[in-house]
Amino acid sequence: MKFLKVRTFFVVLGIIMLFLLVLIIAESNSINESLNLDAKILSSQMEYSMLKTQTVSKYNYSNYNISVLFNFSIEKAVLGFKGTMIERISFRGLTSSKPIWIEVHIPDKIHFHPIYYSHIEPREIFCYKERCLLLFNPLSENGSLIFAYSFKLIDQNSNVPFNDPSYKFFGNEKVALPLGLTFIGINSAATSGEVSFLLFKAPWEDTKAFLLVNQTLTSLIVGKEKIVPTPQDNQFLLFAGRFGEIEGSAMNGTKIKIYYPSDEPFEISPQEVLNWSKKVISTYVSTYSILPSKEYYIINWNSGEANGNGFINGIIVGRWSARGRLIDRLNKRLIAHELAHSWFGGYANFGLLDEALATFSDLYVENKFGEDTYPFAENKALNSGKVPLAEITKNVPDYQNALYYKGAFVFRSLQFVLGNETFFNGLRELLRECHGKECNLTDVQNVFEKVSGQDLDWFFKEWFYSSKVPDYDVRSLSLEEKNGKYLLTFEVIDKNNFTMPLEVEVITSKEKLVKKVWIKGKARVSFELNDKPLKIILDPNEWMVNENKEYTTEGIKITVE
């Protein structure tokens, strides 16, 4: 009985979609037939670019509106999936004496159907390879164009990030694929417009679907039209499948929705993911005083890989778990890191520094809730290579230890230099000033200098424009006993000549004492103790990346953390 209901449901959907297409085409044919005007095929990209430049500069009118409705259906095929797309572009407020131009992109792996049009007439078309420029004369104030095409998804490309425009994946109960609007340019002076998306048909009765547009996730309901952000470069990514769902709330009532495969095994309970996500989002909101989104989607795509991408209102990860020695455990770092991209990369953009700031954030929140992650992160940072952070221009595996972990530690070191209040005020100001735009390293330095009232050029030169790190040694150690007290004196030398504050801890059988001293190449340090010193630890709280070592001097163990 359930099978009959499901089958009937999709049959009805198919009939409705066919009827919709017939109505759209019938409306178009009330004015003109399908577009059969022969296109002029150009022989070179240069020729196409020249003609496009001439057309765009000549016909560049404003004061009309456009809207786009993107109808999409997908179903299972013998191999993979197949789908149909109907894209309607509607114009309002046209002037008959002012031609309009549209540039379209027609990929070679789709079957493109005739173009239908209404209340406009074709004037000229020229093409080079997959791109065509169409010029139309308006016949009334309102007009439209309809593109229809079909495709088959039989190959996959899942070895790229989830937000890569070429990402493609399909399994028995889920599918992800890139989609693109046919038009890639319409009279550039058009005053306003909107894009609506309608997932008309999907292979599963309980489909959950998401459209990734401009690094923002939009949830879709099958059969319901939804306005979506106008995509940059006209690219969408669709993720759809059979997913379970639970939800809860974080600080300020922020909704969190957890999605997980309905019919696939996974190791971590969705409730555990929800509980951790609440802590992370609440911490970020209270720390940064900014809420980029009122709703967050946490999606386990369950691809098996411990990777993910964060967006302004959610994340997609390959799995929730991290491999443990005996059992799998929640990958807190991955979830916290990708959620941090809602602030760094979503709300504000810092280029490659997004990864450093997101890693700083995930380490901060993990340690806040009892995870000692700084030793692991410092070890990664110490293996970051010889290229200074400021000279790295791309996020590739060879540079990831530097971009993620050393970069995170540099901001942690700046926190130590400035103090918590000034540093976090600087981060908040940075987010405010860089909201909706991309800021660079110079912008970051300027903001922290403004907030702190200090010249920080020395700090940024040391940490961003050099690949070195401090290399501390304890030398010239002396110990004097007098009246039951012990006076410990020694020199801390940095062989790489950094200027940095340094915590120095001395441990005896009776006490632990910590001092913060500035090392400018070297510094003299002294402690008055109630017992003989057993151990000296430099940087015990892991405030900076430095050369780690252990050795013994005058019977005292020296540890550089």
Foldseek 3Di string as FASTA:
>chain_A
DVVVVVVVVQVVLVVVVVVVVVVVQVQLVVANHFDDPDAAEDDDPVVVVVVVVVVLVVQQDEDKEKEKEWEKEKAQDPAAIKIKIKMKIKIAQDDQVGKKKWKFFADPQKAWDTKGKHQKAWDHWYDYPRMMMTIIGGNDRMMMMMIMIMHGDRDADCPDAPPPQQHWDDDPFKTKHKDFDGTQDISPNYPYYWYKYAHSYYHDPQKWKWKQAPLDTDTHDHGDIDIDPCHDSRMIMMIMGAWDWDWDAAPPRQIEIEIDHPPDDAADDSVVVRVLLNLLQNVCCVLQVDQLDSYAYEYAPCLPDQAKAAGLHYIYGNGQWDDDPVGTDGPQLRRQLRPQCNQDVYQFDADLLSQLRSLLSSCVSCVVVPDPCLVVLLVLLVQQDWAFQQPDDDDDPNRPSCSHRQSNLLLLQVCVVQPVVLSSVLSNVLSVVRGPHYDYPVSSQVSSCVSRVDNCPLSCCVRRVGSADWEKDWAPWDWDDDPQKIKIKIKIATPVQHWGWKWKWWDDPVDIDIDIDTARRMDMDMDIGNHDTAEIEIRPVNSHRYDWDWDDDPNHIYTYD
